[in-house]
Amino acid sequence: MDEQINYNLKQLGTWKRIFFMAVFSAIGALVRMILWAVIILQVASTLLTGKANQNILSFGRNLSIYTYHILLFLTFNTEILPFPFSTWNLTADLQLPEK
């Protein structure tokens, strides 16, 4: 058991993943703050014009999908790194493994 733990601790791939998880945790926090700004802008737009702003709608959807990709990576549901290490709109095409 101790040998297996020592082996796991020496795996470079594990430490790389932990590093990227820390990076994407910080990026995810920033994206969530931007999403709140999008929410506030959309509410203001709806109050002023009576309808949702299509540009803000599209931007909010893209940010939401990006957040989803980050969460998939952080929860080990995908090994594919989110943007900027993959294409921006890759998340919609991700094939999640069957569990």
N, C-alpha and C. Protein backbone atom coordinates (compact mmCIF):
# COMPACT_ATOMS: atom_id res chain seq x y z
N MET A 1 0.83 -1.20 0.00
CA MET A 1 0.00 0.00 0.00
C MET A 1 0.87 1.25 0.00
N ASP A 2 1.88 1.32 0.89
CA ASP A 2 2.76 2.48 0.93
C ASP A 2 3.55 2.63 -0.36
N GLU A 3 3.92 1.51 -0.97
CA GLU A 3 4.65 1.57 -2.23
C GLU A 3 3.78 2.18 -3.32
N GLN A 4 2.51 1.82 -3.34
CA GLN A 4 1.59 2.36 -4.34
C GLN A 4 1.41 3.87 -4.15
N ILE A 5 1.30 4.30 -2.91
CA ILE A 5 1.17 5.73 -2.63
C ILE A 5 2.42 6.47 -3.06
N ASN A 6 3.60 5.92 -2.73
CA ASN A 6 4.86 6.55 -3.15
C ASN A 6 4.96 6.62 -4.67
N TYR A 7 4.54 5.55 -5.34
CA TYR A 7 4.56 5.53 -6.80
C TYR A 7 3.65 6.62 -7.35
N ASN A 8 2.44 6.72 -6.79
CA ASN A 8 1.48 7.72 -7.26
C ASN A 8 2.00 9.14 -7.04
N LEU A 9 2.67 9.38 -5.91
CA LEU A 9 3.20 10.70 -5.61
C LEU A 9 4.33 11.11 -6.55
N LYS A 10 5.00 10.15 -7.16
CA LYS A 10 6.12 10.43 -8.05
C LYS A 10 5.70 10.60 -9.51
N GLN A 11 4.43 10.43 -9.81
CA GLN A 11 3.96 10.54 -11.19
C GLN A 11 3.87 12.00 -11.61
N LEU A 12 4.64 12.36 -12.62
CA LEU A 12 4.68 13.73 -13.12
C LEU A 12 3.31 14.16 -13.66
N GLY A 13 2.61 13.24 -14.31
CA GLY A 13 1.29 13.56 -14.87
C GLY A 13 0.30 13.99 -13.80
N THR A 14 0.38 13.37 -12.64
CA THR A 14 -0.52 13.74 -11.54
C THR A 14 -0.24 15.16 -11.09
N TRP A 15 1.01 15.51 -10.94
CA TRP A 15 1.37 16.86 -10.49
C TRP A 15 1.03 17.92 -11.54
N LYS A 16 1.17 17.56 -12.83
CA LYS A 16 0.76 18.48 -13.89
C LYS A 16 -0.74 18.74 -13.79
N ARG A 17 -1.50 17.68 -13.60
CA ARG A 17 -2.96 17.84 -13.50
C ARG A 17 -3.32 18.71 -12.30
N ILE A 18 -2.67 18.49 -11.18
CA ILE A 18 -2.94 19.30 -9.98
C ILE A 18 -2.62 20.77 -10.27
N PHE A 19 -1.52 21.03 -10.96
CA PHE A 19 -1.17 22.41 -11.33
C PHE A 19 -2.26 23.02 -12.20
N PHE A 20 -2.68 22.29 -13.25
CA PHE A 20 -3.71 22.82 -14.14
C PHE A 20 -5.05 22.96 -13.42
N MET A 21 -5.33 22.09 -12.47
CA MET A 21 -6.56 22.22 -11.69
C MET A 21 -6.55 23.52 -10.88
N ALA A 22 -5.40 23.86 -10.31
CA ALA A 22 -5.28 25.11 -9.56
C ALA A 22 -5.46 26.31 -10.48
N VAL A 23 -4.84 26.25 -11.66
CA VAL A 23 -4.96 27.34 -12.64
C VAL A 23 -6.42 27.51 -13.05
N PHE A 24 -7.08 26.40 -13.40
CA PHE A 24 -8.45 26.51 -13.87
C PHE A 24 -9.44 26.81 -12.75
N SER A 25 -9.08 26.52 -11.53
CA SER A 25 -9.92 26.95 -10.40
C SER A 25 -9.93 28.48 -10.32
N ALA A 26 -8.77 29.08 -10.49
CA ALA A 26 -8.67 30.54 -10.47
C ALA A 26 -9.39 31.15 -11.67
N ILE A 27 -9.20 30.56 -12.85
CA ILE A 27 -9.88 31.06 -14.04
C ILE A 27 -11.39 30.93 -13.87
N GLY A 28 -11.83 29.81 -13.31
CA GLY A 28 -13.26 29.59 -13.08
C GLY A 28 -13.86 30.65 -12.16
N ALA A 29 -13.12 31.03 -11.14
CA ALA A 29 -13.60 32.07 -10.22
C ALA A 29 -13.75 33.40 -10.96
N LEU A 30 -12.80 33.72 -11.82
CA LEU A 30 -12.86 34.95 -12.60
C LEU A 30 -14.05 34.91 -13.57
N VAL A 31 -14.24 33.77 -14.22
CA VAL A 31 -15.35 33.64 -15.17
C VAL A 31 -16.69 33.78 -14.45
N ARG A 32 -16.80 33.24 -13.24
CA ARG A 32 -18.06 33.38 -12.49
C ARG A 32 -18.34 34.85 -12.15
N MET A 33 -17.31 35.63 -11.87
CA MET A 33 -17.51 37.07 -11.63
C MET A 33 -18.00 37.76 -12.90
N ILE A 34 -17.42 37.38 -14.02
CA ILE A 34 -17.85 37.96 -15.30
C ILE A 34 -19.29 37.55 -15.60
N LEU A 35 -19.66 36.32 -15.26
CA LEU A 35 -21.03 35.87 -15.47
C LEU A 35 -22.03 36.72 -14.67
N TRP A 36 -21.65 37.11 -13.46
CA TRP A 36 -22.53 37.98 -12.68
C TRP A 36 -22.71 39.32 -13.37
N ALA A 37 -21.65 39.84 -13.97
CA ALA A 37 -21.77 41.10 -14.71
C ALA A 37 -22.71 40.91 -15.91
N VAL A 38 -22.60 39.77 -16.58
CA VAL A 38 -23.48 39.46 -17.71
C VAL A 38 -24.93 39.39 -17.24
N ILE A 39 -25.15 38.75 -16.10
CA ILE A 39 -26.51 38.65 -15.54
C ILE A 39 -27.08 40.04 -15.27
N ILE A 40 -26.29 40.89 -14.64
CA ILE A 40 -26.75 42.25 -14.32
C ILE A 40 -27.03 43.04 -15.60
N LEU A 41 -26.14 42.92 -16.60
CA LEU A 41 -26.36 43.61 -17.86
C LEU A 41 -27.63 43.12 -18.55
N GLN A 42 -27.86 41.82 -18.51
CA GLN A 42 -29.04 41.27 -19.16
C GLN A 42 -30.32 41.72 -18.46
N VAL A 43 -30.30 41.76 -17.14
CA VAL A 43 -31.46 42.25 -16.39
C VAL A 43 -31.71 43.71 -16.73
N ALA A 44 -30.66 44.53 -16.76
CA ALA A 44 -30.80 45.94 -17.09
C ALA A 44 -31.34 46.10 -18.51
N SER A 45 -30.81 45.32 -19.44
CA SER A 45 -31.28 45.37 -20.83
C SER A 45 -32.75 45.01 -20.93
N THR A 46 -33.14 43.97 -20.21
CA THR A 46 -34.53 43.54 -20.23
C THR A 46 -35.45 44.59 -19.63
N LEU A 47 -35.01 45.22 -18.55
CA LEU A 47 -35.82 46.27 -17.92
C LEU A 47 -35.97 47.49 -18.83
N LEU A 48 -34.90 47.84 -19.54
CA LEU A 48 -34.92 49.04 -20.38
C LEU A 48 -35.59 48.83 -21.73
N THR A 49 -35.41 47.66 -22.33
CA THR A 49 -35.92 47.43 -23.69
C THR A 49 -37.10 46.46 -23.73
N GLY A 50 -37.31 45.72 -22.67
CA GLY A 50 -38.40 44.76 -22.65
C GLY A 50 -38.06 43.41 -23.24
N LYS A 51 -36.82 43.25 -23.69
CA LYS A 51 -36.40 41.95 -24.24
C LYS A 51 -34.91 41.73 -23.97
N ALA A 52 -34.51 40.48 -24.04
CA ALA A 52 -33.12 40.12 -23.79
C ALA A 52 -32.24 40.58 -24.95
N ASN A 53 -31.05 41.05 -24.63
CA ASN A 53 -30.07 41.45 -25.63
C ASN A 53 -29.43 40.20 -26.21
N GLN A 54 -29.51 40.01 -27.52
CA GLN A 54 -29.02 38.79 -28.16
C GLN A 54 -27.50 38.63 -28.04
N ASN A 55 -26.76 39.73 -28.09
CA ASN A 55 -25.30 39.65 -27.95
C ASN A 55 -24.91 39.19 -26.55
N ILE A 56 -25.57 39.76 -25.55
CA ILE A 56 -25.29 39.36 -24.17
C ILE A 56 -25.73 37.92 -23.94
N LEU A 57 -26.85 37.54 -24.56
CA LEU A 57 -27.36 36.18 -24.45
C LEU A 57 -26.33 35.17 -24.96
N SER A 58 -25.78 35.45 -26.13
CA SER A 58 -24.79 34.56 -26.74
C SER A 58 -23.51 34.51 -25.90
N PHE A 59 -23.05 35.66 -25.44
CA PHE A 59 -21.85 35.72 -24.62
C PHE A 59 -22.04 34.95 -23.31
N GLY A 60 -23.19 35.13 -22.68
CA GLY A 60 -23.49 34.42 -21.44
C GLY A 60 -23.54 32.92 -21.64
N ARG A 61 -24.12 32.49 -22.76
CA ARG A 61 -24.17 31.05 -23.06
C ARG A 61 -22.76 30.48 -23.22
N ASN A 62 -21.92 31.20 -23.97
CA ASN A 62 -20.54 30.74 -24.18
C ASN A 62 -19.77 30.66 -22.86
N LEU A 63 -19.93 31.65 -22.01
CA LEU A 63 -19.26 31.63 -20.71
C LEU A 63 -19.77 30.48 -19.84
N SER A 64 -21.06 30.22 -19.90
CA SER A 64 -21.64 29.12 -19.13
C SER A 64 -21.09 27.77 -19.60
N ILE A 65 -20.99 27.61 -20.90
CA ILE A 65 -20.44 26.36 -21.45
C ILE A 65 -18.97 26.22 -21.07
N TYR A 66 -18.24 27.32 -21.10
CA TYR A 66 -16.83 27.30 -20.70
C TYR A 66 -16.69 26.91 -19.22
N THR A 67 -17.55 27.46 -18.38
CA THR A 67 -17.54 27.10 -16.96
C THR A 67 -17.82 25.61 -16.78
N TYR A 68 -18.74 25.09 -17.57
CA TYR A 68 -19.06 23.66 -17.54
C TYR A 68 -17.83 22.82 -17.89
N HIS A 69 -17.09 23.23 -18.92
CA HIS A 69 -15.87 22.51 -19.31
C HIS A 69 -14.85 22.54 -18.17
N ILE A 70 -14.69 23.68 -17.53
CA ILE A 70 -13.76 23.77 -16.40
C ILE A 70 -14.18 22.81 -15.30
N LEU A 71 -15.48 22.79 -14.99
CA LEU A 71 -15.97 21.90 -13.93
C LEU A 71 -15.80 20.42 -14.31
N LEU A 72 -15.99 20.10 -15.58
CA LEU A 72 -15.75 18.72 -16.02
C LEU A 72 -14.29 18.33 -15.80
N PHE A 73 -13.39 19.25 -16.12
CA PHE A 73 -11.97 18.97 -15.93
C PHE A 73 -11.63 18.85 -14.44
N LEU A 74 -12.14 19.76 -13.63
CA LEU A 74 -11.82 19.74 -12.20
C LEU A 74 -12.37 18.50 -11.49
N THR A 75 -13.45 17.94 -12.00
CA THR A 75 -14.04 16.75 -11.38
C THR A 75 -13.59 15.46 -12.05
N PHE A 76 -12.54 15.54 -12.88
CA PHE A 76 -11.94 14.38 -13.52
C PHE A 76 -12.88 13.69 -14.51
N ASN A 77 -13.88 14.41 -15.02
CA ASN A 77 -14.78 13.83 -16.01
C ASN A 77 -14.25 13.96 -17.42
N THR A 78 -13.20 14.75 -17.60
CA THR A 78 -12.53 14.84 -18.89
C THR A 78 -11.05 15.12 -18.64
N GLU A 79 -10.24 14.64 -19.56
CA GLU A 79 -8.80 14.93 -19.51
C GLU A 79 -8.45 16.07 -20.45
N ILE A 80 -9.42 16.55 -21.20
CA ILE A 80 -9.19 17.62 -22.17
C ILE A 80 -9.16 18.95 -21.43
N LEU A 81 -8.03 19.63 -21.55
CA LEU A 81 -7.89 20.94 -20.90
C LEU A 81 -8.81 21.96 -21.56
N PRO A 82 -9.45 22.80 -20.76
CA PRO A 82 -10.29 23.86 -21.32
C PRO A 82 -9.46 24.92 -22.06
N PHE A 83 -10.16 25.84 -22.73
CA PHE A 83 -9.51 26.97 -23.38
C PHE A 83 -8.59 27.67 -22.39
N PRO A 84 -7.42 28.06 -22.71
CA PRO A 84 -6.79 28.26 -24.00
C PRO A 84 -5.99 27.06 -24.50
N PHE A 85 -6.11 25.92 -23.87
CA PHE A 85 -5.37 24.74 -24.30
C PHE A 85 -6.18 23.88 -25.26
N SER A 86 -7.39 24.27 -25.55
CA SER A 86 -8.23 23.65 -26.57
C SER A 86 -9.06 24.76 -27.19
N THR A 87 -9.84 24.42 -28.20
CA THR A 87 -10.64 25.45 -28.84
C THR A 87 -11.73 25.96 -27.91
N TRP A 88 -12.16 27.18 -28.14
CA TRP A 88 -13.12 27.84 -27.25
C TRP A 88 -14.43 27.08 -27.16
N ASN A 89 -14.96 26.61 -28.27
CA ASN A 89 -16.29 25.99 -28.28
C ASN A 89 -16.24 24.47 -28.25
N LEU A 90 -15.18 23.90 -27.74
CA LEU A 90 -15.02 22.45 -27.71
C LEU A 90 -15.99 21.77 -26.76
N THR A 91 -16.39 22.40 -25.71
CA THR A 91 -17.17 21.77 -24.65
C THR A 91 -18.46 21.13 -25.16
N ALA A 92 -19.13 21.80 -26.07
CA ALA A 92 -20.39 21.28 -26.60
C ALA A 92 -20.17 19.96 -27.32
N ASP A 93 -18.97 19.73 -27.83
CA ASP A 93 -18.67 18.51 -28.59
C ASP A 93 -18.00 17.43 -27.76
N LEU A 94 -17.76 17.67 -26.47
CA LEU A 94 -17.08 16.68 -25.64
C LEU A 94 -17.90 15.40 -25.53
N GLN A 95 -17.24 14.29 -25.68
CA GLN A 95 -17.87 13.00 -25.47
C GLN A 95 -17.43 12.51 -24.11
N LEU A 96 -18.33 12.51 -23.16
CA LEU A 96 -17.98 12.07 -21.81
C LEU A 96 -17.98 10.56 -21.74
N PRO A 97 -17.03 10.00 -21.01
CA PRO A 97 -16.96 8.54 -20.89
C PRO A 97 -18.17 8.00 -20.10
N GLU A 98 -18.61 6.83 -20.49
CA GLU A 98 -19.70 6.17 -19.76
C GLU A 98 -19.14 5.66 -18.45
N LYS A 99 -19.87 5.86 -17.40
CA LYS A 99 -19.43 5.39 -16.06
C LYS A 99 -20.28 4.23 -15.62
